[in-house]
Amino acid sequence: MPPKVIFQEDKNPRGIPKAPFITNVEEYIGGPDAEIEETLKSFQDAIAKYRYMESNLTQRRSSLDEKIPDIKKTLSMVQFLRDRREGKSKAQSDDDLEDDLDEEDESTGSKKPMITTFELNDTLFAEAELEDTDTVYLWLGANVMLSYKLPAAIALLQSKLEVAEASLKTTAEDLEFLREQTTIMEVNTARAYNWDVKRRRERRVKEEGKAVDLS
């Protein structure tokens, strides 16, 4: 007999099937004399599928947890460049930022260049002088870097941030849903196994009773 299809038609918004809770094991497997091995195997297969999906989503959440802070940091920097270029003054709470970034150079009458440091590697930084420009280059991954005007770069980064945060939220919801379904299937497995143990015990007692009567 092939394994039973245990997934319900009900699914969560991302299409993950909901696991059924088996209230009557005997009825589910087809009667008191039905074999239970295939049913138990189907339960284990379902648990394996849920855990596989959970593993993939856990990796996605980890990736998003790293990606979102990077997007926020990049967005903050591009917004700072835009505000500086537009001549807006903002209170700075970071003592490492220069207070005179927008002050004019007395010798030239122009704004002083912005001197900053940027990260080359985890523990390696370099100093750079930023030009007064309305263009930034954004690293898009897969060896792709494109230039954007500041407003376009801000719009792109805000869009990416919104998508990433929404994805993180749905990923967390799916992980919670998967854990619930895995728990349900583990309970189903335990109940089916215990039912089978009880059935075998009752059969053995019955057979022993018959043996006594014959003697």
N, C-alpha and C. Protein backbone atom coordinates (compact mmCIF):
# COMPACT_ATOMS: atom_id res chain seq x y z
N MET A 1 0.85 -1.19 0.00
CA MET A 1 0.00 0.00 0.00
C MET A 1 0.88 1.24 0.00
N PRO A 2 0.67 2.22 -0.90
CA PRO A 2 1.51 3.41 -0.95
C PRO A 2 1.29 4.29 0.26
N PRO A 3 2.27 5.13 0.60
CA PRO A 3 2.12 6.01 1.74
C PRO A 3 0.93 6.94 1.58
N LYS A 4 0.30 7.26 2.69
CA LYS A 4 -0.84 8.16 2.66
C LYS A 4 -0.38 9.59 2.39
N VAL A 5 -1.24 10.35 1.72
CA VAL A 5 -0.98 11.76 1.53
C VAL A 5 -1.48 12.48 2.77
N ILE A 6 -0.57 13.02 3.54
CA ILE A 6 -0.98 13.57 4.84
C ILE A 6 -1.13 15.10 4.83
N PHE A 7 -0.69 15.75 3.74
CA PHE A 7 -0.80 17.20 3.72
C PHE A 7 -2.25 17.62 3.46
N GLN A 8 -2.68 18.66 4.12
CA GLN A 8 -4.00 19.22 3.89
C GLN A 8 -3.95 20.20 2.72
N GLU A 9 -5.16 20.55 2.23
CA GLU A 9 -5.23 21.56 1.18
C GLU A 9 -4.96 22.95 1.73
N ASP A 10 -5.21 23.14 3.02
CA ASP A 10 -4.95 24.45 3.63
C ASP A 10 -3.46 24.76 3.59
N LYS A 11 -3.14 25.99 3.20
CA LYS A 11 -1.75 26.42 3.11
C LYS A 11 -1.61 27.82 3.71
N ASN A 12 -0.39 28.15 4.06
CA ASN A 12 -0.16 29.52 4.54
C ASN A 12 -0.01 30.44 3.32
N PRO A 13 0.08 31.76 3.51
CA PRO A 13 0.13 32.68 2.36
C PRO A 13 1.26 32.41 1.38
N ARG A 14 2.33 31.73 1.78
CA ARG A 14 3.44 31.42 0.88
C ARG A 14 3.32 30.02 0.30
N GLY A 15 2.19 29.36 0.51
CA GLY A 15 1.95 28.06 -0.12
C GLY A 15 2.49 26.87 0.63
N ILE A 16 2.92 27.03 1.88
CA ILE A 16 3.41 25.89 2.66
C ILE A 16 2.20 25.11 3.20
N PRO A 17 2.10 23.82 2.91
CA PRO A 17 0.92 23.05 3.32
C PRO A 17 0.84 22.87 4.84
N LYS A 18 -0.37 22.85 5.31
CA LYS A 18 -0.62 22.66 6.75
C LYS A 18 -0.71 21.17 7.06
N ALA A 19 -0.09 20.77 8.14
CA ALA A 19 -0.12 19.37 8.55
C ALA A 19 -1.42 19.07 9.29
N PRO A 20 -2.00 17.88 9.07
CA PRO A 20 -3.23 17.51 9.79
C PRO A 20 -2.89 16.98 11.17
N PHE A 21 -3.79 17.17 12.10
CA PHE A 21 -3.64 16.53 13.40
C PHE A 21 -4.53 15.29 13.41
N ILE A 22 -3.92 14.13 13.61
CA ILE A 22 -4.65 12.86 13.56
C ILE A 22 -5.34 12.61 14.90
N THR A 23 -6.66 12.77 14.90
CA THR A 23 -7.40 12.57 16.15
C THR A 23 -7.70 11.10 16.41
N ASN A 24 -7.90 10.33 15.32
CA ASN A 24 -8.22 8.91 15.47
C ASN A 24 -7.25 8.11 14.61
N VAL A 25 -6.24 7.54 15.23
CA VAL A 25 -5.21 6.82 14.49
C VAL A 25 -5.78 5.61 13.79
N GLU A 26 -6.61 4.84 14.48
CA GLU A 26 -7.16 3.62 13.90
C GLU A 26 -7.97 3.92 12.64
N GLU A 27 -8.78 4.96 12.71
CA GLU A 27 -9.58 5.34 11.55
C GLU A 27 -8.70 5.84 10.42
N TYR A 28 -7.65 6.57 10.78
CA TYR A 28 -6.77 7.17 9.76
C TYR A 28 -6.02 6.10 8.96
N ILE A 29 -5.55 5.06 9.64
CA ILE A 29 -4.76 4.04 8.93
C ILE A 29 -5.64 2.99 8.26
N GLY A 30 -6.94 3.01 8.56
CA GLY A 30 -7.83 2.10 7.85
C GLY A 30 -8.36 0.94 8.64
N GLY A 31 -8.36 0.98 9.95
CA GLY A 31 -8.94 -0.08 10.75
C GLY A 31 -7.96 -0.72 11.70
N PRO A 32 -8.46 -1.56 12.62
CA PRO A 32 -7.60 -2.16 13.66
C PRO A 32 -6.59 -3.17 13.13
N ASP A 33 -6.81 -3.68 11.93
CA ASP A 33 -5.90 -4.68 11.39
C ASP A 33 -4.99 -4.13 10.29
N ALA A 34 -5.08 -2.84 10.04
CA ALA A 34 -4.28 -2.24 8.97
C ALA A 34 -2.81 -2.13 9.39
N GLU A 35 -1.93 -2.20 8.40
CA GLU A 35 -0.51 -2.03 8.67
C GLU A 35 -0.18 -0.55 8.90
N ILE A 36 0.74 -0.29 9.81
CA ILE A 36 1.03 1.09 10.17
C ILE A 36 2.39 1.57 9.66
N GLU A 37 3.18 0.66 9.12
CA GLU A 37 4.55 1.03 8.73
C GLU A 37 4.57 2.14 7.67
N GLU A 38 3.70 2.00 6.65
CA GLU A 38 3.67 3.01 5.59
C GLU A 38 3.21 4.36 6.12
N THR A 39 2.28 4.33 7.06
CA THR A 39 1.80 5.58 7.66
C THR A 39 2.92 6.27 8.44
N LEU A 40 3.64 5.50 9.24
CA LEU A 40 4.75 6.07 9.98
C LEU A 40 5.82 6.62 9.04
N LYS A 41 6.06 5.91 7.94
CA LYS A 41 7.05 6.38 6.96
C LYS A 41 6.59 7.70 6.33
N SER A 42 5.30 7.80 6.02
CA SER A 42 4.80 9.04 5.43
C SER A 42 4.92 10.20 6.41
N PHE A 43 4.73 9.92 7.70
CA PHE A 43 4.90 10.96 8.72
C PHE A 43 6.36 11.44 8.76
N GLN A 44 7.29 10.49 8.72
CA GLN A 44 8.70 10.84 8.75
C GLN A 44 9.11 11.62 7.49
N ASP A 45 8.54 11.24 6.35
CA ASP A 45 8.82 11.98 5.11
C ASP A 45 8.32 13.42 5.22
N ALA A 46 7.14 13.58 5.81
CA ALA A 46 6.58 14.93 5.97
C ALA A 46 7.46 15.77 6.90
N ILE A 47 7.92 15.16 7.99
CA ILE A 47 8.79 15.88 8.92
C ILE A 47 10.08 16.29 8.22
N ALA A 48 10.63 15.40 7.40
CA ALA A 48 11.87 15.70 6.68
C ALA A 48 11.67 16.87 5.72
N LYS A 49 10.52 16.91 5.05
CA LYS A 49 10.23 18.01 4.12
C LYS A 49 10.11 19.34 4.87
N TYR A 50 9.42 19.33 6.00
CA TYR A 50 9.27 20.56 6.79
C TYR A 50 10.64 21.04 7.28
N ARG A 51 11.46 20.11 7.73
CA ARG A 51 12.77 20.50 8.24
C ARG A 51 13.68 21.02 7.13
N TYR A 52 13.53 20.46 5.93
CA TYR A 52 14.30 20.94 4.79
C TYR A 52 13.91 22.38 4.45
N MET A 53 12.60 22.65 4.44
CA MET A 53 12.14 24.01 4.18
C MET A 53 12.60 24.96 5.29
N GLU A 54 12.55 24.47 6.52
CA GLU A 54 13.00 25.30 7.66
C GLU A 54 14.48 25.65 7.53
N SER A 55 15.28 24.67 7.09
CA SER A 55 16.72 24.92 6.92
C SER A 55 16.97 26.00 5.87
N ASN A 56 16.25 25.92 4.75
CA ASN A 56 16.41 26.92 3.69
C ASN A 56 15.99 28.30 4.17
N LEU A 57 14.89 28.37 4.90
CA LEU A 57 14.42 29.67 5.37
C LEU A 57 15.33 30.23 6.46
N THR A 58 15.92 29.36 7.25
CA THR A 58 16.87 29.83 8.26
C THR A 58 18.08 30.48 7.60
N GLN A 59 18.56 29.89 6.51
CA GLN A 59 19.66 30.48 5.76
C GLN A 59 19.25 31.82 5.15
N ARG A 60 18.02 31.89 4.64
CA ARG A 60 17.55 33.15 4.07
C ARG A 60 17.46 34.24 5.14
N ARG A 61 16.96 33.87 6.32
CA ARG A 61 16.86 34.86 7.39
C ARG A 61 18.24 35.34 7.81
N SER A 62 19.19 34.42 7.88
CA SER A 62 20.56 34.81 8.23
C SER A 62 21.13 35.78 7.20
N SER A 63 20.86 35.50 5.92
CA SER A 63 21.34 36.40 4.86
C SER A 63 20.69 37.77 4.98
N LEU A 64 19.41 37.81 5.27
CA LEU A 64 18.71 39.09 5.40
C LEU A 64 19.18 39.85 6.64
N ASP A 65 19.48 39.13 7.70
CA ASP A 65 19.98 39.78 8.92
C ASP A 65 21.32 40.49 8.66
N GLU A 66 22.10 39.97 7.72
CA GLU A 66 23.35 40.62 7.35
C GLU A 66 23.14 41.72 6.31
N LYS A 67 22.19 41.50 5.43
CA LYS A 67 21.97 42.41 4.31
C LYS A 67 21.31 43.71 4.73
N ILE A 68 20.32 43.64 5.62
CA ILE A 68 19.56 44.83 5.99
C ILE A 68 20.42 45.90 6.65
N PRO A 69 21.29 45.57 7.62
CA PRO A 69 22.14 46.62 8.19
C PRO A 69 23.05 47.27 7.15
N ASP A 70 23.55 46.49 6.18
CA ASP A 70 24.39 47.05 5.12
C ASP A 70 23.61 48.05 4.28
N ILE A 71 22.36 47.70 3.94
CA ILE A 71 21.54 48.61 3.15
C ILE A 71 21.27 49.89 3.94
N LYS A 72 20.95 49.74 5.22
CA LYS A 72 20.69 50.92 6.05
C LYS A 72 21.92 51.82 6.13
N LYS A 73 23.08 51.21 6.29
CA LYS A 73 24.31 52.00 6.39
C LYS A 73 24.60 52.74 5.09
N THR A 74 24.41 52.05 3.98
CA THR A 74 24.64 52.67 2.67
C THR A 74 23.64 53.79 2.43
N LEU A 75 22.38 53.54 2.75
CA LEU A 75 21.34 54.55 2.57
C LEU A 75 21.63 55.79 3.41
N SER A 76 22.05 55.56 4.65
CA SER A 76 22.36 56.70 5.53
C SER A 76 23.49 57.54 4.96
N MET A 77 24.50 56.88 4.40
CA MET A 77 25.63 57.61 3.83
C MET A 77 25.22 58.41 2.59
N VAL A 78 24.42 57.81 1.73
CA VAL A 78 23.99 58.51 0.52
C VAL A 78 23.10 59.70 0.89
N GLN A 79 22.24 59.51 1.89
CA GLN A 79 21.40 60.63 2.35
C GLN A 79 22.27 61.75 2.93
N PHE A 80 23.33 61.37 3.64
CA PHE A 80 24.25 62.37 4.18
C PHE A 80 24.92 63.16 3.06
N LEU A 81 25.35 62.47 2.01
CA LEU A 81 25.97 63.14 0.87
C LEU A 81 24.99 64.08 0.18
N ARG A 82 23.75 63.64 0.07
CA ARG A 82 22.72 64.50 -0.54
C ARG A 82 22.49 65.75 0.30
N ASP A 83 22.33 65.55 1.62
CA ASP A 83 22.08 66.68 2.50
C ASP A 83 23.26 67.64 2.52
N ARG A 84 24.45 67.10 2.51
CA ARG A 84 25.64 67.94 2.51
C ARG A 84 25.73 68.74 1.22
N ARG A 85 25.42 68.10 0.10
CA ARG A 85 25.47 68.78 -1.19
C ARG A 85 24.42 69.88 -1.27
N GLU A 86 23.28 69.63 -0.69
CA GLU A 86 22.21 70.64 -0.70
C GLU A 86 22.44 71.73 0.33
N GLY A 87 23.47 71.59 1.13
CA GLY A 87 23.80 72.63 2.11
C GLY A 87 22.98 72.59 3.37
N LYS A 88 22.39 71.41 3.66
CA LYS A 88 21.60 71.31 4.90
C LYS A 88 22.53 71.02 6.07
N SER A 89 22.21 71.60 7.20
CA SER A 89 23.00 71.35 8.40
C SER A 89 22.21 70.43 9.32
N LYS A 90 22.90 69.40 9.78
CA LYS A 90 22.25 68.45 10.67
C LYS A 90 23.12 68.23 11.90
N ALA A 91 22.45 68.06 13.02
CA ALA A 91 23.19 67.80 14.25
C ALA A 91 23.86 66.44 14.16
N GLN A 92 25.13 66.39 14.55
CA GLN A 92 25.91 65.16 14.50
C GLN A 92 26.16 64.67 15.92
N SER A 93 25.78 63.44 16.17
CA SER A 93 25.98 62.86 17.50
C SER A 93 27.24 62.01 17.57
N ASP A 94 27.83 61.72 16.42
CA ASP A 94 29.03 60.89 16.39
C ASP A 94 30.25 61.77 16.51
N ASP A 95 31.05 61.61 17.56
CA ASP A 95 32.22 62.46 17.78
C ASP A 95 33.26 62.29 16.70
N ASP A 96 33.23 61.18 15.96
CA ASP A 96 34.23 60.95 14.92
C ASP A 96 33.98 61.78 13.68
N LEU A 97 32.76 62.35 13.53
CA LEU A 97 32.47 63.16 12.36
C LEU A 97 33.06 64.56 12.55
N GLU A 98 33.58 65.13 11.51
CA GLU A 98 34.17 66.45 11.58
C GLU A 98 33.07 67.49 11.65
N ASP A 99 33.20 68.47 12.56
CA ASP A 99 32.20 69.52 12.70
C ASP A 99 32.28 70.54 11.58
N ASP A 100 33.42 70.59 10.89
CA ASP A 100 33.62 71.64 9.89
C ASP A 100 33.55 71.10 8.47
N LEU A 101 32.75 70.06 8.24
CA LEU A 101 32.69 69.49 6.90
C LEU A 101 32.18 70.50 5.89
N ASP A 102 31.26 71.36 6.29
CA ASP A 102 30.65 72.30 5.37
C ASP A 102 31.25 73.70 5.48
N GLU A 103 32.29 73.83 6.27
CA GLU A 103 32.94 75.13 6.37
C GLU A 103 33.73 75.41 5.10
N GLU A 104 33.86 76.65 4.77
CA GLU A 104 34.57 77.02 3.56
C GLU A 104 36.06 77.12 3.81
N ASP A 105 36.81 76.77 2.83
CA ASP A 105 38.25 76.92 2.87
C ASP A 105 38.57 78.39 2.63
N GLU A 106 39.23 79.03 3.60
CA GLU A 106 39.47 80.47 3.52
C GLU A 106 40.32 80.84 2.30
N SER A 107 41.22 79.96 1.87
CA SER A 107 42.10 80.28 0.76
C SER A 107 41.42 80.20 -0.59
N THR A 108 40.43 79.34 -0.71
CA THR A 108 39.77 79.15 -2.01
C THR A 108 38.34 79.63 -2.03
N GLY A 109 37.73 79.79 -0.83
CA GLY A 109 36.34 80.20 -0.76
C GLY A 109 35.36 79.09 -1.06
N SER A 110 35.87 77.87 -1.25
CA SER A 110 35.00 76.72 -1.54
C SER A 110 34.90 75.83 -0.31
N LYS A 111 34.00 74.90 -0.37
CA LYS A 111 33.83 73.98 0.76
C LYS A 111 35.06 73.09 0.91
N LYS A 112 35.40 72.81 2.15
CA LYS A 112 36.51 71.91 2.40
C LYS A 112 36.14 70.51 1.92
N PRO A 113 37.11 69.79 1.36
CA PRO A 113 36.81 68.43 0.91
C PRO A 113 36.48 67.53 2.10
N MET A 114 35.69 66.54 1.85
CA MET A 114 35.29 65.61 2.90
C MET A 114 36.30 64.47 2.96
N ILE A 115 36.96 64.34 4.08
CA ILE A 115 37.93 63.26 4.31
C ILE A 115 37.24 62.20 5.16
N THR A 116 37.27 60.99 4.69
CA THR A 116 36.60 59.90 5.41
C THR A 116 37.40 58.62 5.28
N THR A 117 36.97 57.61 5.96
CA THR A 117 37.58 56.28 5.84
C THR A 117 36.53 55.30 5.34
N PHE A 118 36.95 54.33 4.58
CA PHE A 118 36.03 53.31 4.12
C PHE A 118 36.66 51.94 4.31
N GLU A 119 35.80 50.96 4.45
CA GLU A 119 36.23 49.60 4.80
C GLU A 119 36.63 48.82 3.56
N LEU A 120 37.87 48.33 3.56
CA LEU A 120 38.33 47.46 2.50
C LEU A 120 38.11 46.00 2.83
N ASN A 121 38.27 45.69 4.13
CA ASN A 121 38.07 44.33 4.61
C ASN A 121 37.61 44.44 6.06
N ASP A 122 37.42 43.29 6.70
CA ASP A 122 36.89 43.32 8.06
C ASP A 122 37.72 44.18 9.00
N THR A 123 39.02 44.17 8.85
CA THR A 123 39.89 44.94 9.76
C THR A 123 40.79 45.91 9.01
N LEU A 124 40.47 46.19 7.76
CA LEU A 124 41.32 47.04 6.94
C LEU A 124 40.52 48.23 6.42
N PHE A 125 40.99 49.45 6.75
CA PHE A 125 40.32 50.67 6.33
C PHE A 125 41.31 51.56 5.58
N ALA A 126 40.77 52.38 4.69
CA ALA A 126 41.59 53.32 3.93
C ALA A 126 40.97 54.71 4.01
N GLU A 127 41.82 55.73 3.89
CA GLU A 127 41.34 57.11 3.93
C GLU A 127 41.11 57.60 2.51
N ALA A 128 40.06 58.38 2.34
CA ALA A 128 39.73 58.87 1.01
C ALA A 128 39.18 60.28 1.11
N GLU A 129 39.35 61.03 0.03
CA GLU A 129 38.78 62.36 -0.09
C GLU A 129 37.63 62.29 -1.08
N LEU A 130 36.43 62.65 -0.61
CA LEU A 130 35.25 62.54 -1.45
C LEU A 130 35.05 63.82 -2.26
N GLU A 131 34.82 63.63 -3.53
CA GLU A 131 34.55 64.77 -4.39
C GLU A 131 33.14 65.29 -4.16
N ASP A 132 32.95 66.56 -4.44
CA ASP A 132 31.61 67.15 -4.34
C ASP A 132 30.87 66.81 -5.63
N THR A 133 30.19 65.69 -5.62
CA THR A 133 29.53 65.20 -6.84
C THR A 133 28.11 64.77 -6.53
N ASP A 134 27.30 64.71 -7.56
CA ASP A 134 25.91 64.28 -7.39
C ASP A 134 25.72 62.84 -7.81
N THR A 135 26.82 62.10 -7.94
CA THR A 135 26.77 60.71 -8.40
C THR A 135 27.45 59.78 -7.41
N VAL A 136 26.86 58.64 -7.20
CA VAL A 136 27.47 57.61 -6.36
C VAL A 136 27.45 56.30 -7.12
N TYR A 137 28.33 55.39 -6.72
CA TYR A 137 28.39 54.06 -7.33
C TYR A 137 27.91 53.04 -6.30
N LEU A 138 26.95 52.25 -6.70
CA LEU A 138 26.40 51.24 -5.80
C LEU A 138 26.79 49.85 -6.28
N TRP A 139 27.26 49.05 -5.34
CA TRP A 139 27.63 47.67 -5.62
C TRP A 139 26.36 46.83 -5.56
N LEU A 140 25.99 46.24 -6.67
CA LEU A 140 24.75 45.47 -6.76
C LEU A 140 24.98 43.97 -6.63
N GLY A 141 26.24 43.56 -6.48
CA GLY A 141 26.54 42.15 -6.37
C GLY A 141 26.79 41.52 -7.72
N ALA A 142 27.26 40.29 -7.70
CA ALA A 142 27.57 39.54 -8.93
C ALA A 142 28.52 40.34 -9.82
N ASN A 143 29.52 40.99 -9.19
CA ASN A 143 30.53 41.77 -9.91
C ASN A 143 29.93 42.91 -10.74
N VAL A 144 28.83 43.48 -10.24
CA VAL A 144 28.15 44.57 -10.94
C VAL A 144 28.12 45.80 -10.05
N MET A 145 28.61 46.92 -10.60
CA MET A 145 28.53 48.21 -9.91
C MET A 145 28.03 49.25 -10.91
N LEU A 146 27.03 50.02 -10.50
CA LEU A 146 26.44 51.01 -11.39
C LEU A 146 26.46 52.38 -10.72
N SER A 147 26.49 53.41 -11.54
CA SER A 147 26.46 54.78 -11.03
C SER A 147 25.02 55.29 -11.02
N TYR A 148 24.70 56.04 -9.98
CA TYR A 148 23.36 56.62 -9.82
C TYR A 148 23.49 58.05 -9.36
N LYS A 149 22.56 58.89 -9.79
CA LYS A 149 22.42 60.19 -9.19
C LYS A 149 21.92 60.01 -7.76
N LEU A 150 22.24 60.94 -6.89
CA LEU A 150 21.92 60.77 -5.47
C LEU A 150 20.43 60.48 -5.23
N PRO A 151 19.50 61.24 -5.81
CA PRO A 151 18.08 60.93 -5.56
C PRO A 151 17.70 59.53 -6.04
N ALA A 152 18.23 59.12 -7.20
CA ALA A 152 17.91 57.79 -7.71
C ALA A 152 18.51 56.71 -6.81
N ALA A 153 19.72 56.96 -6.30
CA ALA A 153 20.35 55.98 -5.42
C ALA A 153 19.55 55.83 -4.12
N ILE A 154 19.07 56.94 -3.59
CA ILE A 154 18.28 56.90 -2.36
C ILE A 154 16.98 56.14 -2.59
N ALA A 155 16.32 56.42 -3.71
CA ALA A 155 15.07 55.72 -4.03
C ALA A 155 15.30 54.22 -4.18
N LEU A 156 16.40 53.85 -4.85
CA LEU A 156 16.71 52.44 -5.03
C LEU A 156 16.99 51.75 -3.70
N LEU A 157 17.78 52.39 -2.87
CA LEU A 157 18.13 51.79 -1.58
C LEU A 157 16.92 51.68 -0.66
N GLN A 158 16.05 52.69 -0.67
CA GLN A 158 14.84 52.64 0.14
C GLN A 158 13.93 51.49 -0.33
N SER A 159 13.85 51.33 -1.65
CA SER A 159 13.04 50.24 -2.19
C SER A 159 13.61 48.89 -1.78
N LYS A 160 14.94 48.72 -1.90
CA LYS A 160 15.57 47.48 -1.51
C LYS A 160 15.41 47.21 -0.02
N LEU A 161 15.47 48.25 0.78
CA LEU A 161 15.31 48.09 2.23
C LEU A 161 13.90 47.63 2.56
N GLU A 162 12.90 48.24 1.92
CA GLU A 162 11.51 47.85 2.16
C GLU A 162 11.28 46.39 1.77
N VAL A 163 11.83 45.99 0.62
CA VAL A 163 11.66 44.61 0.17
C VAL A 163 12.35 43.64 1.13
N ALA A 164 13.55 43.98 1.56
CA ALA A 164 14.30 43.10 2.46
C ALA A 164 13.60 42.97 3.81
N GLU A 165 13.10 44.07 4.34
CA GLU A 165 12.41 44.02 5.63
C GLU A 165 11.11 43.23 5.53
N ALA A 166 10.39 43.40 4.41
CA ALA A 166 9.16 42.62 4.21
C ALA A 166 9.49 41.14 4.08
N SER A 167 10.57 40.82 3.37
CA SER A 167 10.99 39.44 3.21
C SER A 167 11.39 38.83 4.55
N LEU A 168 12.07 39.61 5.38
CA LEU A 168 12.48 39.13 6.70
C LEU A 168 11.25 38.82 7.56
N LYS A 169 10.24 39.67 7.46
CA LYS A 169 9.02 39.46 8.25
C LYS A 169 8.31 38.18 7.82
N THR A 170 8.14 37.99 6.50
CA THR A 170 7.45 36.79 6.03
C THR A 170 8.29 35.53 6.30
N THR A 171 9.61 35.66 6.23
CA THR A 171 10.47 34.52 6.52
C THR A 171 10.32 34.08 7.97
N ALA A 172 10.27 35.06 8.88
CA ALA A 172 10.08 34.74 10.30
C ALA A 172 8.72 34.08 10.52
N GLU A 173 7.69 34.57 9.83
CA GLU A 173 6.36 33.96 9.97
C GLU A 173 6.36 32.52 9.44
N ASP A 174 7.02 32.31 8.30
CA ASP A 174 7.08 30.97 7.72
C ASP A 174 7.85 30.00 8.62
N LEU A 175 8.92 30.48 9.23
CA LEU A 175 9.69 29.63 10.14
C LEU A 175 8.84 29.21 11.33
N GLU A 176 8.08 30.13 11.88
CA GLU A 176 7.21 29.80 13.01
C GLU A 176 6.14 28.80 12.57
N PHE A 177 5.59 29.02 11.38
CA PHE A 177 4.58 28.10 10.85
C PHE A 177 5.16 26.71 10.66
N LEU A 178 6.37 26.62 10.10
CA LEU A 178 7.00 25.33 9.86
C LEU A 178 7.28 24.59 11.16
N ARG A 179 7.71 25.31 12.17
CA ARG A 179 7.98 24.67 13.47
C ARG A 179 6.69 24.08 14.04
N GLU A 180 5.58 24.79 13.87
CA GLU A 180 4.30 24.28 14.36
C GLU A 180 3.90 23.01 13.61
N GLN A 181 4.09 23.01 12.28
CA GLN A 181 3.72 21.83 11.49
C GLN A 181 4.62 20.64 11.83
N THR A 182 5.89 20.91 12.05
CA THR A 182 6.81 19.83 12.43
C THR A 182 6.40 19.23 13.77
N THR A 183 6.02 20.09 14.71
CA THR A 183 5.58 19.60 16.02
C THR A 183 4.33 18.75 15.89
N ILE A 184 3.40 19.19 15.05
CA ILE A 184 2.17 18.42 14.84
C ILE A 184 2.50 17.03 14.29
N MET A 185 3.39 16.98 13.31
CA MET A 185 3.74 15.69 12.71
C MET A 185 4.50 14.80 13.70
N GLU A 186 5.30 15.40 14.56
CA GLU A 186 5.99 14.61 15.58
C GLU A 186 4.99 14.03 16.58
N VAL A 187 3.97 14.82 16.91
CA VAL A 187 2.93 14.32 17.81
C VAL A 187 2.15 13.21 17.12
N ASN A 188 1.82 13.40 15.84
CA ASN A 188 1.13 12.35 15.08
C ASN A 188 1.94 11.05 15.09
N THR A 189 3.23 11.17 14.88
CA THR A 189 4.10 10.00 14.86
C THR A 189 4.10 9.29 16.21
N ALA A 190 4.21 10.06 17.27
CA ALA A 190 4.22 9.47 18.62
C ALA A 190 2.90 8.78 18.93
N ARG A 191 1.79 9.41 18.56
CA ARG A 191 0.48 8.83 18.84
C ARG A 191 0.26 7.55 18.03
N ALA A 192 0.69 7.57 16.76
CA ALA A 192 0.55 6.37 15.92
C ALA A 192 1.42 5.24 16.45
N TYR A 193 2.63 5.55 16.85
CA TYR A 193 3.53 4.53 17.38
C TYR A 193 2.98 3.94 18.69
N ASN A 194 2.49 4.80 19.57
CA ASN A 194 1.93 4.33 20.85
C ASN A 194 0.68 3.49 20.62
N TRP A 195 -0.13 3.91 19.63
CA TRP A 195 -1.32 3.11 19.31
C TRP A 195 -0.93 1.73 18.84
N ASP A 196 0.11 1.66 18.02
CA ASP A 196 0.55 0.37 17.50
C ASP A 196 1.12 -0.51 18.61
N VAL A 197 1.85 0.11 19.55
CA VAL A 197 2.38 -0.65 20.69
C VAL A 197 1.25 -1.22 21.52
N LYS A 198 0.22 -0.40 21.74
CA LYS A 198 -0.93 -0.86 22.52
C LYS A 198 -1.65 -1.99 21.79
N ARG A 199 -1.81 -1.85 20.47
CA ARG A 199 -2.47 -2.90 19.68
C ARG A 199 -1.70 -4.21 19.75
N ARG A 200 -0.37 -4.14 19.61
CA ARG A 200 0.44 -5.36 19.66
C ARG A 200 0.35 -6.01 21.04
N ARG A 201 0.32 -5.19 22.09
CA ARG A 201 0.23 -5.74 23.44
C ARG A 201 -1.11 -6.46 23.62
N GLU A 202 -2.19 -5.84 23.14
CA GLU A 202 -3.51 -6.44 23.28
C GLU A 202 -3.58 -7.75 22.50
N ARG A 203 -2.96 -7.78 21.32
CA ARG A 203 -2.93 -9.01 20.54
C ARG A 203 -2.18 -10.11 21.26
N ARG A 204 -1.06 -9.74 21.89
CA ARG A 204 -0.25 -10.73 22.58
C ARG A 204 -1.00 -11.29 23.79
N VAL A 205 -1.66 -10.42 24.51
CA VAL A 205 -2.44 -10.87 25.67
C VAL A 205 -3.56 -11.79 25.23
N LYS A 206 -4.19 -11.43 24.12
CA LYS A 206 -5.28 -12.25 23.60
C LYS A 206 -4.79 -13.63 23.18
N GLU A 207 -3.63 -13.66 22.52
CA GLU A 207 -3.07 -14.92 22.06
C GLU A 207 -2.65 -15.78 23.25
N GLU A 208 -2.07 -15.14 24.28
CA GLU A 208 -1.68 -15.88 25.46
C GLU A 208 -2.89 -16.46 26.17
N GLY A 209 -3.99 -15.68 26.15
CA GLY A 209 -5.22 -16.17 26.78
C GLY A 209 -5.77 -17.38 26.05
N LYS A 210 -5.70 -17.37 24.75
CA LYS A 210 -6.14 -18.53 23.98
C LYS A 210 -5.28 -19.75 24.27
N ALA A 211 -4.02 -19.54 24.43
CA ALA A 211 -3.10 -20.65 24.71
C ALA A 211 -3.43 -21.28 26.05
N VAL A 212 -3.77 -20.47 27.02
CA VAL A 212 -4.13 -20.99 28.33
C VAL A 212 -5.40 -21.81 28.26
N ASP A 213 -6.39 -21.32 27.49
CA ASP A 213 -7.67 -22.04 27.38
C ASP A 213 -7.46 -23.41 26.73
N LEU A 214 -6.57 -23.47 25.73
CA LEU A 214 -6.33 -24.75 25.07
C LEU A 214 -5.65 -25.75 25.97
N SER A 215 -4.85 -25.27 26.90
CA SER A 215 -4.17 -26.19 27.80
C SER A 215 -5.14 -26.70 28.87
